[in-house]
């Protein structure tokens, strides 16, 4: 089970499902989608029993970061980007 935030610079501990953001990565599905999109598929080193993993970001980190799965089936943190439409709304309210 999850014990702490995926962000290695954060010390928040997982306590409740309602706090932060929980991610479920199905490596078999990700591989199928990449194959259907014509992308290079790198076979996962995980066993069939470990084809799915869960990751958690605390509320503070989830407001700034999200995760993505690389072509090598590695999970990495990336900055959360506000969609362009939301940016224009924020700019209009700030004016």
PDB file of N, CA and C in Angstrom:
ATOM      1  N   UNK A   1       0.844  -1.192   0.000  1.00  0.00           N
ATOM      2  CA  UNK A   1       0.000   0.000   0.000  1.00  0.00           C
ATOM      3  C   UNK A   1       0.879   1.242   0.000  1.00  0.00           C
ATOM      4  N   UNK A   2       0.315   2.341  -0.400  1.00  0.00           N
ATOM      5  CA  UNK A   2       1.029   3.611  -0.460  1.00  0.00           C
ATOM      6  C   UNK A   2       1.328   4.117   0.942  1.00  0.00           C
ATOM      7  N   UNK A   3       2.474   4.727   1.098  1.00  0.00           N
ATOM      8  CA  UNK A   3       2.797   5.249   2.419  1.00  0.00           C
ATOM      9  C   UNK A   3       3.103   6.743   2.415  1.00  0.00           C
ATOM     10  N   UNK A   4       3.628   7.277   1.289  1.00  0.00           N
ATOM     11  CA  UNK A   4       3.944   8.704   1.242  1.00  0.00           C
ATOM     12  C   UNK A   4       3.778   9.255  -0.163  1.00  0.00           C
ATOM     13  N   UNK A   5       3.841  10.555  -0.241  1.00  0.00           N
ATOM     14  CA  UNK A   5       3.712  11.263  -1.510  1.00  0.00           C
ATOM     15  C   UNK A   5       4.814  10.813  -2.472  1.00  0.00           C
ATOM     16  N   UNK A   6       4.468  10.675  -3.744  1.00  0.00           N
ATOM     17  CA  UNK A   6       5.424  10.252  -4.761  1.00  0.00           C
ATOM     18  C   UNK A   6       6.568  11.251  -4.932  1.00  0.00           C
ATOM     19  N   UNK A   7       6.306  12.521  -4.640  1.00  0.00           N
ATOM     20  CA  UNK A   7       7.337  13.552  -4.745  1.00  0.00           C
ATOM     21  C   UNK A   7       8.401  13.291  -3.676  1.00  0.00           C
ATOM     22  N   UNK A   8       9.609  12.992  -4.087  1.00  0.00           N
ATOM     23  CA  UNK A   8      10.676  12.653  -3.136  1.00  0.00           C
ATOM     24  C   UNK A   8      11.069  13.828  -2.247  1.00  0.00           C
ATOM     25  N   UNK A   9      10.700  15.054  -2.640  1.00  0.00           N
ATOM     26  CA  UNK A   9      11.017  16.242  -1.845  1.00  0.00           C
ATOM     27  C   UNK A   9       9.922  16.565  -0.828  1.00  0.00           C
ATOM     28  N   UNK A  10       8.890  15.733  -0.767  1.00  0.00           N
ATOM     29  CA  UNK A  10       7.758  15.959   0.123  1.00  0.00           C
ATOM     30  C   UNK A  10       7.709  14.843   1.168  1.00  0.00           C
ATOM     31  N   UNK A  11       7.365  15.199   2.384  1.00  0.00           N
ATOM     32  CA  UNK A  11       7.314  14.192   3.441  1.00  0.00           C
ATOM     33  C   UNK A  11       5.891  13.844   3.869  1.00  0.00           C
ATOM     34  N   UNK A  12       4.886  14.293   3.114  1.00  0.00           N
ATOM     35  CA  UNK A  12       3.490  14.011   3.467  1.00  0.00           C
ATOM     36  C   UNK A  12       3.228  12.511   3.419  1.00  0.00           C
ATOM     37  N   UNK A  13       2.478  12.021   4.413  1.00  0.00           N
ATOM     38  CA  UNK A  13       2.154  10.600   4.467  1.00  0.00           C
ATOM     39  C   UNK A  13       0.707  10.376   4.061  1.00  0.00           C
ATOM     40  N   UNK A  14       0.472   9.260   3.390  1.00  0.00           N
ATOM     41  CA  UNK A  14      -0.873   8.889   2.939  1.00  0.00           C
ATOM     42  C   UNK A  14      -1.689   8.414   4.125  1.00  0.00           C
ATOM     43  N   UNK A  15      -2.890   9.035   4.327  1.00  0.00           N
ATOM     44  CA  UNK A  15      -3.748   8.625   5.430  1.00  0.00           C
ATOM     45  C   UNK A  15      -5.179   8.352   4.974  1.00  0.00           C
ATOM     46  N   UNK A  16      -5.717   9.202   4.083  1.00  0.00           N
ATOM     47  CA  UNK A  16      -7.102   9.068   3.661  1.00  0.00           C
ATOM     48  C   UNK A  16      -7.202   9.166   2.144  1.00  0.00           C
ATOM     49  N   UNK A  17      -8.175   8.446   1.561  1.00  0.00           N
ATOM     50  CA  UNK A  17      -8.363   8.491   0.108  1.00  0.00           C
ATOM     51  C   UNK A  17      -8.794   9.872  -0.385  1.00  0.00           C
ATOM     52  N   UNK A  18      -9.485  10.635   0.435  1.00  0.00           N
ATOM     53  CA  UNK A  18      -9.992  11.933   0.019  1.00  0.00           C
ATOM     54  C   UNK A  18      -8.957  13.031  -0.026  1.00  0.00           C
ATOM     55  N   UNK A  19      -7.743  12.761   0.419  1.00  0.00           N
ATOM     56  CA  UNK A  19      -6.699  13.777   0.431  1.00  0.00           C
ATOM     57  C   UNK A  19      -5.732  13.551  -0.716  1.00  0.00           C
ATOM     58  N   UNK A  20      -5.444  14.590  -1.469  1.00  0.00           N
ATOM     59  CA  UNK A  20      -4.493  14.470  -2.559  1.00  0.00           C
ATOM     60  C   UNK A  20      -5.092  13.812  -3.782  1.00  0.00           C
ATOM     61  N   UNK A  21      -4.234  13.201  -4.566  1.00  0.00           N
ATOM     62  CA  UNK A  21      -4.674  12.579  -5.824  1.00  0.00           C
ATOM     63  C   UNK A  21      -4.040  11.207  -5.970  1.00  0.00           C
ATOM     64  N   UNK A  22      -4.869  10.221  -6.231  1.00  0.00           N
ATOM     65  CA  UNK A  22      -4.427   8.841  -6.378  1.00  0.00           C
ATOM     66  C   UNK A  22      -4.394   8.493  -7.866  1.00  0.00           C
ATOM     67  N   UNK A  23      -3.314   7.860  -8.309  1.00  0.00           N
ATOM     68  CA  UNK A  23      -3.157   7.455  -9.711  1.00  0.00           C
ATOM     69  C   UNK A  23      -3.059   5.940  -9.785  1.00  0.00           C
ATOM     70  N   UNK A  24      -3.736   5.343 -10.739  1.00  0.00           N
ATOM     71  CA  UNK A  24      -3.612   3.911 -10.993  1.00  0.00           C
ATOM     72  C   UNK A  24      -3.057   3.761 -12.411  1.00  0.00           C
ATOM     73  N   UNK A  25      -1.894   3.163 -12.504  1.00  0.00           N
ATOM     74  CA  UNK A  25      -1.251   2.981 -13.800  1.00  0.00           C
ATOM     75  C   UNK A  25      -1.343   1.518 -14.187  1.00  0.00           C
ATOM     76  N   UNK A  26      -1.995   1.267 -15.313  1.00  0.00           N
ATOM     77  CA  UNK A  26      -2.109  -0.089 -15.855  1.00  0.00           C
ATOM     78  C   UNK A  26      -1.111  -0.173 -17.006  1.00  0.00           C
ATOM     79  N   UNK A  27       0.007  -0.796 -16.742  1.00  0.00           N
ATOM     80  CA  UNK A  27       1.081  -0.856 -17.741  1.00  0.00           C
ATOM     81  C   UNK A  27       0.683  -1.659 -18.966  1.00  0.00           C
ATOM     82  N   UNK A  28      -0.173  -2.655 -18.818  1.00  0.00           N
ATOM     83  CA  UNK A  28      -0.585  -3.432 -19.987  1.00  0.00           C
ATOM     84  C   UNK A  28      -1.439  -2.575 -20.907  1.00  0.00           C
ATOM     85  N   UNK A  29      -2.347  -1.753 -20.366  1.00  0.00           N
ATOM     86  CA  UNK A  29      -3.179  -0.874 -21.178  1.00  0.00           C
ATOM     87  C   UNK A  29      -2.351   0.216 -21.837  1.00  0.00           C
ATOM     88  N   UNK A  30      -1.398   0.794 -21.094  1.00  0.00           N
ATOM     89  CA  UNK A  30      -0.547   1.848 -21.657  1.00  0.00           C
ATOM     90  C   UNK A  30       0.228   1.310 -22.852  1.00  0.00           C
ATOM     91  N   UNK A  31       0.727   0.099 -22.746  1.00  0.00           N
ATOM     92  CA  UNK A  31       1.468  -0.516 -23.843  1.00  0.00           C
ATOM     93  C   UNK A  31       0.586  -0.764 -25.054  1.00  0.00           C
ATOM     94  N   UNK A  32      -0.644  -1.207 -24.823  1.00  0.00           N
ATOM     95  CA  UNK A  32      -1.580  -1.445 -25.927  1.00  0.00           C
ATOM     96  C   UNK A  32      -1.901  -0.141 -26.646  1.00  0.00           C
ATOM     97  N   UNK A  33      -2.133   0.928 -25.887  1.00  0.00           N
ATOM     98  CA  UNK A  33      -2.479   2.220 -26.496  1.00  0.00           C
ATOM     99  C   UNK A  33      -1.331   2.755 -27.335  1.00  0.00           C
ATOM    100  N   UNK A  34      -0.091   2.621 -26.826  1.00  0.00           N
ATOM    101  CA  UNK A  34       1.061   3.089 -27.600  1.00  0.00           C
ATOM    102  C   UNK A  34       1.203   2.272 -28.879  1.00  0.00           C
ATOM    103  N   UNK A  35       0.964   0.960 -28.804  1.00  0.00           N
ATOM    104  CA  UNK A  35       1.080   0.108 -29.981  1.00  0.00           C
ATOM    105  C   UNK A  35       0.025   0.494 -31.017  1.00  0.00           C
ATOM    106  N   UNK A  36      -1.207   0.771 -30.555  1.00  0.00           N
ATOM    107  CA  UNK A  36      -2.282   1.133 -31.480  1.00  0.00           C
ATOM    108  C   UNK A  36      -2.012   2.495 -32.114  1.00  0.00           C
ATOM    109  N   UNK A  37      -1.300   3.370 -31.407  1.00  0.00           N
ATOM    110  CA  UNK A  37      -0.984   4.701 -31.937  1.00  0.00           C
ATOM    111  C   UNK A  37       0.243   4.665 -32.843  1.00  0.00           C
ATOM    112  N   UNK A  38       0.836   3.481 -33.028  1.00  0.00           N
ATOM    113  CA  UNK A  38       2.002   3.344 -33.874  1.00  0.00           C
ATOM    114  C   UNK A  38       3.292   3.737 -33.195  1.00  0.00           C
ATOM    115  N   UNK A  39       3.280   3.870 -31.868  1.00  0.00           N
ATOM    116  CA  UNK A  39       4.473   4.255 -31.136  1.00  0.00           C
ATOM    117  C   UNK A  39       5.282   3.015 -30.771  1.00  0.00           C
ATOM    118  N   UNK A  40       6.559   3.238 -30.551  1.00  0.00           N
ATOM    119  CA  UNK A  40       7.432   2.141 -30.150  1.00  0.00           C
ATOM    120  C   UNK A  40       7.024   1.658 -28.762  1.00  0.00           C
ATOM    121  N   UNK A  41       6.875   0.359 -28.614  1.00  0.00           N
ATOM    122  CA  UNK A  41       6.482  -0.220 -27.336  1.00  0.00           C
ATOM    123  C   UNK A  41       7.696  -0.889 -26.716  1.00  0.00           C
ATOM    124  N   UNK A  42       8.044  -0.451 -25.517  1.00  0.00           N
ATOM    125  CA  UNK A  42       9.149  -1.056 -24.786  1.00  0.00           C
ATOM    126  C   UNK A  42       8.542  -2.021 -23.788  1.00  0.00           C
ATOM    127  N   UNK A  43       8.862  -3.310 -23.871  1.00  0.00           N
ATOM    128  CA  UNK A  43       8.264  -4.263 -22.936  1.00  0.00           C
ATOM    129  C   UNK A  43       8.607  -3.913 -21.495  1.00  0.00           C
ATOM    130  N   UNK A  44       7.616  -4.006 -20.633  1.00  0.00           N
ATOM    131  CA  UNK A  44       7.816  -3.715 -19.220  1.00  0.00           C
ATOM    132  C   UNK A  44       8.612  -4.838 -18.566  1.00  0.00           C
ATOM    133  N   UNK A  45       9.398  -4.471 -17.558  1.00  0.00           N
ATOM    134  CA  UNK A  45      10.170  -5.448 -16.805  1.00  0.00           C
ATOM    135  C   UNK A  45       9.332  -6.048 -15.674  1.00  0.00           C
ATOM    136  N   UNK A  46       8.111  -5.577 -15.512  1.00  0.00           N
ATOM    137  CA  UNK A  46       7.251  -6.060 -14.447  1.00  0.00           C
ATOM    138  C   UNK A  46       6.652  -7.418 -14.814  1.00  0.00           C
ATOM    139  N   UNK A  47       6.384  -8.203 -13.804  1.00  0.00           N
ATOM    140  CA  UNK A  47       5.729  -9.485 -14.056  1.00  0.00           C
ATOM    141  C   UNK A  47       4.258  -9.227 -14.342  1.00  0.00           C
ATOM    142  N   UNK A  48       3.554 -10.207 -14.850  1.00  0.00           N
ATOM    143  CA  UNK A  48       2.131 -10.047 -15.155  1.00  0.00           C
ATOM    144  C   UNK A  48       1.348  -9.697 -13.892  1.00  0.00           C
ATOM    145  N   UNK A  49       1.775 -10.215 -12.747  1.00  0.00           N
ATOM    146  CA  UNK A  49       1.089  -9.937 -11.486  1.00  0.00           C
ATOM    147  C   UNK A  49       1.262  -8.481 -11.063  1.00  0.00           C
ATOM    148  N   UNK A  50       2.306  -7.807 -11.528  1.00  0.00           N
ATOM    149  CA  UNK A  50       2.590  -6.415 -11.145  1.00  0.00           C
ATOM    150  C   UNK A  50       2.327  -5.462 -12.308  1.00  0.00           C
ATOM    151  N   UNK A  51       1.355  -5.770 -13.146  1.00  0.00           N
ATOM    152  CA  UNK A  51       1.073  -4.948 -14.315  1.00  0.00           C
ATOM    153  C   UNK A  51       0.364  -3.645 -13.945  1.00  0.00           C
ATOM    154  N   UNK A  52      -0.098  -3.523 -12.690  1.00  0.00           N
ATOM    155  CA  UNK A  52      -0.795  -2.325 -12.252  1.00  0.00           C
ATOM    156  C   UNK A  52      -0.150  -1.813 -10.961  1.00  0.00           C
ATOM    157  N   UNK A  53       0.062  -0.493 -10.892  1.00  0.00           N
ATOM    158  CA  UNK A  53       0.627   0.112  -9.691  1.00  0.00           C
ATOM    159  C   UNK A  53      -0.170   1.356  -9.330  1.00  0.00           C
ATOM    160  N   UNK A  54      -0.119   1.725  -8.058  1.00  0.00           N
ATOM    161  CA  UNK A  54      -0.798   2.911  -7.557  1.00  0.00           C
ATOM    162  C   UNK A  54       0.232   3.906  -7.040  1.00  0.00           C
ATOM    163  N   UNK A  55      -0.026   5.182  -7.318  1.00  0.00           N
ATOM    164  CA  UNK A  55       0.840   6.260  -6.864  1.00  0.00           C
ATOM    165  C   UNK A  55      -0.041   7.345  -6.262  1.00  0.00           C
ATOM    166  N   UNK A  56       0.500   8.093  -5.308  1.00  0.00           N
ATOM    167  CA  UNK A  56      -0.271   9.132  -4.639  1.00  0.00           C
ATOM    168  C   UNK A  56       0.546  10.409  -4.546  1.00  0.00           C
ATOM    169  N   UNK A  57      -0.127  11.534  -4.827  1.00  0.00           N
ATOM    170  CA  UNK A  57       0.447  12.858  -4.619  1.00  0.00           C
ATOM    171  C   UNK A  57      -0.408  13.561  -3.576  1.00  0.00           C
ATOM    172  N   UNK A  58       0.228  14.157  -2.572  1.00  0.00           N
ATOM    173  CA  UNK A  58      -0.511  14.897  -1.547  1.00  0.00           C
ATOM    174  C   UNK A  58      -1.206  16.092  -2.198  1.00  0.00           C
ATOM    175  N   UNK A  59      -2.110  16.704  -1.462  1.00  0.00           N
ATOM    176  CA  UNK A  59      -2.884  17.819  -2.002  1.00  0.00           C
ATOM    177  C   UNK A  59      -1.996  18.962  -2.490  1.00  0.00           C
ATOM    178  N   UNK A  60      -0.982  19.301  -1.712  1.00  0.00           N
ATOM    179  CA  UNK A  60      -0.086  20.411  -2.069  1.00  0.00           C
ATOM    180  C   UNK A  60       0.680  20.094  -3.360  1.00  0.00           C
ATOM    181  N   UNK A  61       1.244  18.896  -3.461  1.00  0.00           N
ATOM    182  CA  UNK A  61       2.007  18.526  -4.662  1.00  0.00           C
ATOM    183  C   UNK A  61       1.092  18.339  -5.872  1.00  0.00           C
ATOM    184  N   UNK A  62      -0.116  17.799  -5.653  1.00  0.00           N
ATOM    185  CA  UNK A  62      -1.048  17.569  -6.755  1.00  0.00           C
ATOM    186  C   UNK A  62      -1.533  18.874  -7.381  1.00  0.00           C
ATOM    187  N   UNK A  63      -1.451  19.976  -6.631  1.00  0.00           N
ATOM    188  CA  UNK A  63      -1.864  21.258  -7.202  1.00  0.00           C
ATOM    189  C   UNK A  63      -0.817  21.805  -8.170  1.00  0.00           C
ATOM    190  N   UNK A  64       0.420  21.277  -8.094  1.00  0.00           N
ATOM    191  CA  UNK A  64       1.509  21.765  -8.955  1.00  0.00           C
ATOM    192  C   UNK A  64       2.063  20.702  -9.894  1.00  0.00           C
ATOM    193  N   UNK A  65       1.862  19.421  -9.545  1.00  0.00           N
ATOM    194  CA  UNK A  65       2.484  18.322 -10.290  1.00  0.00           C
ATOM    195  C   UNK A  65       1.458  17.266 -10.681  1.00  0.00           C
ATOM    196  N   UNK A  66       1.785  16.524 -11.717  1.00  0.00           N
ATOM    197  CA  UNK A  66       1.037  15.334 -12.096  1.00  0.00           C
ATOM    198  C   UNK A  66       2.071  14.293 -12.501  1.00  0.00           C
ATOM    199  N   UNK A  67       1.618  13.131 -12.942  1.00  0.00           N
ATOM    200  CA  UNK A  67       2.575  12.105 -13.351  1.00  0.00           C
ATOM    201  C   UNK A  67       2.331  11.723 -14.796  1.00  0.00           C
ATOM    202  N   UNK A  68       3.359  11.181 -15.435  1.00  0.00           N
ATOM    203  CA  UNK A  68       3.218  10.636 -16.780  1.00  0.00           C
ATOM    204  C   UNK A  68       4.043   9.370 -16.861  1.00  0.00           C
ATOM    205  N   UNK A  69       3.633   8.485 -17.762  1.00  0.00           N
ATOM    206  CA  UNK A  69       4.352   7.235 -17.983  1.00  0.00           C
ATOM    207  C   UNK A  69       5.162   7.402 -19.254  1.00  0.00           C
ATOM    208  N   UNK A  70       6.462   7.180 -19.153  1.00  0.00           N
ATOM    209  CA  UNK A  70       7.342   7.311 -20.313  1.00  0.00           C
ATOM    210  C   UNK A  70       7.196   6.094 -21.222  1.00  0.00           C
ATOM    211  N   UNK A  71       7.789   6.154 -22.394  1.00  0.00           N
ATOM    212  CA  UNK A  71       7.766   5.022 -23.314  1.00  0.00           C
ATOM    213  C   UNK A  71       8.456   3.798 -22.730  1.00  0.00           C
ATOM    214  N   UNK A  72       9.349   4.017 -21.766  1.00  0.00           N
ATOM    215  CA  UNK A  72      10.050   2.907 -21.105  1.00  0.00           C
ATOM    216  C   UNK A  72       9.270   2.412 -19.885  1.00  0.00           C
ATOM    217  N   UNK A  73       7.996   2.803 -19.783  1.00  0.00           N
ATOM    218  CA  UNK A  73       7.110   2.413 -18.680  1.00  0.00           C
ATOM    219  C   UNK A  73       7.602   2.867 -17.321  1.00  0.00           C
ATOM    220  N   UNK A  74       8.255   4.024 -17.283  1.00  0.00           N
ATOM    221  CA  UNK A  74       8.690   4.611 -16.029  1.00  0.00           C
ATOM    222  C   UNK A  74       7.746   5.756 -15.689  1.00  0.00           C
ATOM    223  N   UNK A  75       7.456   5.914 -14.407  1.00  0.00           N
ATOM    224  CA  UNK A  75       6.585   6.994 -13.950  1.00  0.00           C
ATOM    225  C   UNK A  75       7.459   8.163 -13.536  1.00  0.00           C
ATOM    226  N   UNK A  76       7.088   9.360 -14.003  1.00  0.00           N
ATOM    227  CA  UNK A  76       7.863  10.537 -13.602  1.00  0.00           C
ATOM    228  C   UNK A  76       6.913  11.686 -13.297  1.00  0.00           C
ATOM    229  N   UNK A  77       7.378  12.587 -12.445  1.00  0.00           N
ATOM    230  CA  UNK A  77       6.612  13.776 -12.091  1.00  0.00           C
ATOM    231  C   UNK A  77       6.819  14.851 -13.146  1.00  0.00           C
ATOM    232  N   UNK A  78       5.751  15.532 -13.500  1.00  0.00           N
ATOM    233  CA  UNK A  78       5.836  16.645 -14.448  1.00  0.00           C
ATOM    234  C   UNK A  78       4.985  17.790 -13.902  1.00  0.00           C
ATOM    235  N   UNK A  79       5.359  19.036 -14.213  1.00  0.00           N
ATOM    236  CA  UNK A  79       4.553  20.176 -13.749  1.00  0.00           C
ATOM    237  C   UNK A  79       3.147  20.115 -14.329  1.00  0.00           C
ATOM    238  N   UNK A  80       2.170  20.405 -13.497  1.00  0.00           N
ATOM    239  CA  UNK A  80       0.775  20.453 -13.929  1.00  0.00           C
ATOM    240  C   UNK A  80       0.570  21.727 -14.712  1.00  0.00           C
ATOM    241  N   UNK A  81       0.062  21.612 -15.912  1.00  0.00           N
ATOM    242  CA  UNK A  81      -0.165  22.794 -16.747  1.00  0.00           C
ATOM    243  C   UNK A  81      -1.639  23.125 -16.789  1.00  0.00           C
ATOM    244  N   UNK A  82      -1.946  24.400 -16.571  1.00  0.00           N
ATOM    245  CA  UNK A  82      -3.327  24.852 -16.648  1.00  0.00           C
ATOM    246  C   UNK A  82      -3.704  24.943 -18.129  1.00  0.00           C
ATOM    247  N   UNK A  83      -4.847  24.367 -18.524  1.00  0.00           N
ATOM    248  CA  UNK A  83      -5.262  24.461 -19.934  1.00  0.00           C
ATOM    249  C   UNK A  83      -5.359  25.918 -20.385  1.00  0.00           C
ATOM    250  N   UNK A  84      -5.076  26.221 -21.661  1.00  0.00           N
ATOM    251  CA  UNK A  84      -5.076  27.610 -22.163  1.00  0.00           C
ATOM    252  C   UNK A  84      -6.365  28.364 -21.862  1.00  0.00           C
ATOM    253  N   UNK A  85      -7.530  27.712 -21.946  1.00  0.00           N
ATOM    254  CA  UNK A  85      -8.797  28.375 -21.675  1.00  0.00           C
ATOM    255  C   UNK A  85      -8.841  28.848 -20.224  1.00  0.00           C
ATOM    256  N   UNK A  86      -8.373  28.015 -19.303  1.00  0.00           N
ATOM    257  CA  UNK A  86      -8.339  28.392 -17.892  1.00  0.00           C
ATOM    258  C   UNK A  86      -7.365  29.548 -17.653  1.00  0.00           C
ATOM    259  N   UNK A  87      -6.236  29.571 -18.356  1.00  0.00           N
ATOM    260  CA  UNK A  87      -5.270  30.664 -18.223  1.00  0.00           C
ATOM    261  C   UNK A  87      -5.906  31.992 -18.612  1.00  0.00           C
ATOM    262  N   UNK A  88      -6.688  31.994 -19.698  1.00  0.00           N
ATOM    263  CA  UNK A  88      -7.305  33.245 -20.155  1.00  0.00           C
ATOM    264  C   UNK A  88      -8.364  33.710 -19.161  1.00  0.00           C
ATOM    265  N   UNK A  89      -9.085  32.777 -18.525  1.00  0.00           N
ATOM    266  CA  UNK A  89     -10.060  33.146 -17.507  1.00  0.00           C
ATOM    267  C   UNK A  89      -9.364  33.757 -16.298  1.00  0.00           C
ATOM    268  N   UNK A  90      -8.243  33.155 -15.895  1.00  0.00           N
ATOM    269  CA  UNK A  90      -7.484  33.668 -14.750  1.00  0.00           C
ATOM    270  C   UNK A  90      -6.944  35.067 -15.044  1.00  0.00           C
ATOM    271  N   UNK A  91      -6.467  35.291 -16.259  1.00  0.00           N
ATOM    272  CA  UNK A  91      -5.924  36.591 -16.639  1.00  0.00           C
ATOM    273  C   UNK A  91      -7.032  37.647 -16.651  1.00  0.00           C
ATOM    274  N   UNK A  92      -8.235  37.264 -17.098  1.00  0.00           N
ATOM    275  CA  UNK A  92      -9.355  38.207 -17.168  1.00  0.00           C
ATOM    276  C   UNK A  92      -9.808  38.610 -15.762  1.00  0.00           C
ATOM    277  N   UNK A  93      -9.775  37.683 -14.810  1.00  0.00           N
ATOM    278  CA  UNK A  93     -10.181  38.002 -13.440  1.00  0.00           C
ATOM    279  C   UNK A  93      -9.133  38.821 -12.725  1.00  0.00           C
ATOM    280  N   UNK A  94      -7.878  38.669 -13.097  1.00  0.00           N
ATOM    281  CA  UNK A  94      -6.793  39.407 -12.457  1.00  0.00           C
ATOM    282  C   UNK A  94      -6.772  40.865 -12.909  1.00  0.00           C
ATOM    283  N   UNK A  95      -7.348  41.150 -14.081  1.00  0.00           N
ATOM    284  CA  UNK A  95      -7.309  42.509 -14.633  1.00  0.00           C
ATOM    285  C   UNK A  95      -8.284  43.431 -13.969  1.00  0.00           C
TER     286      UNK A  95
END
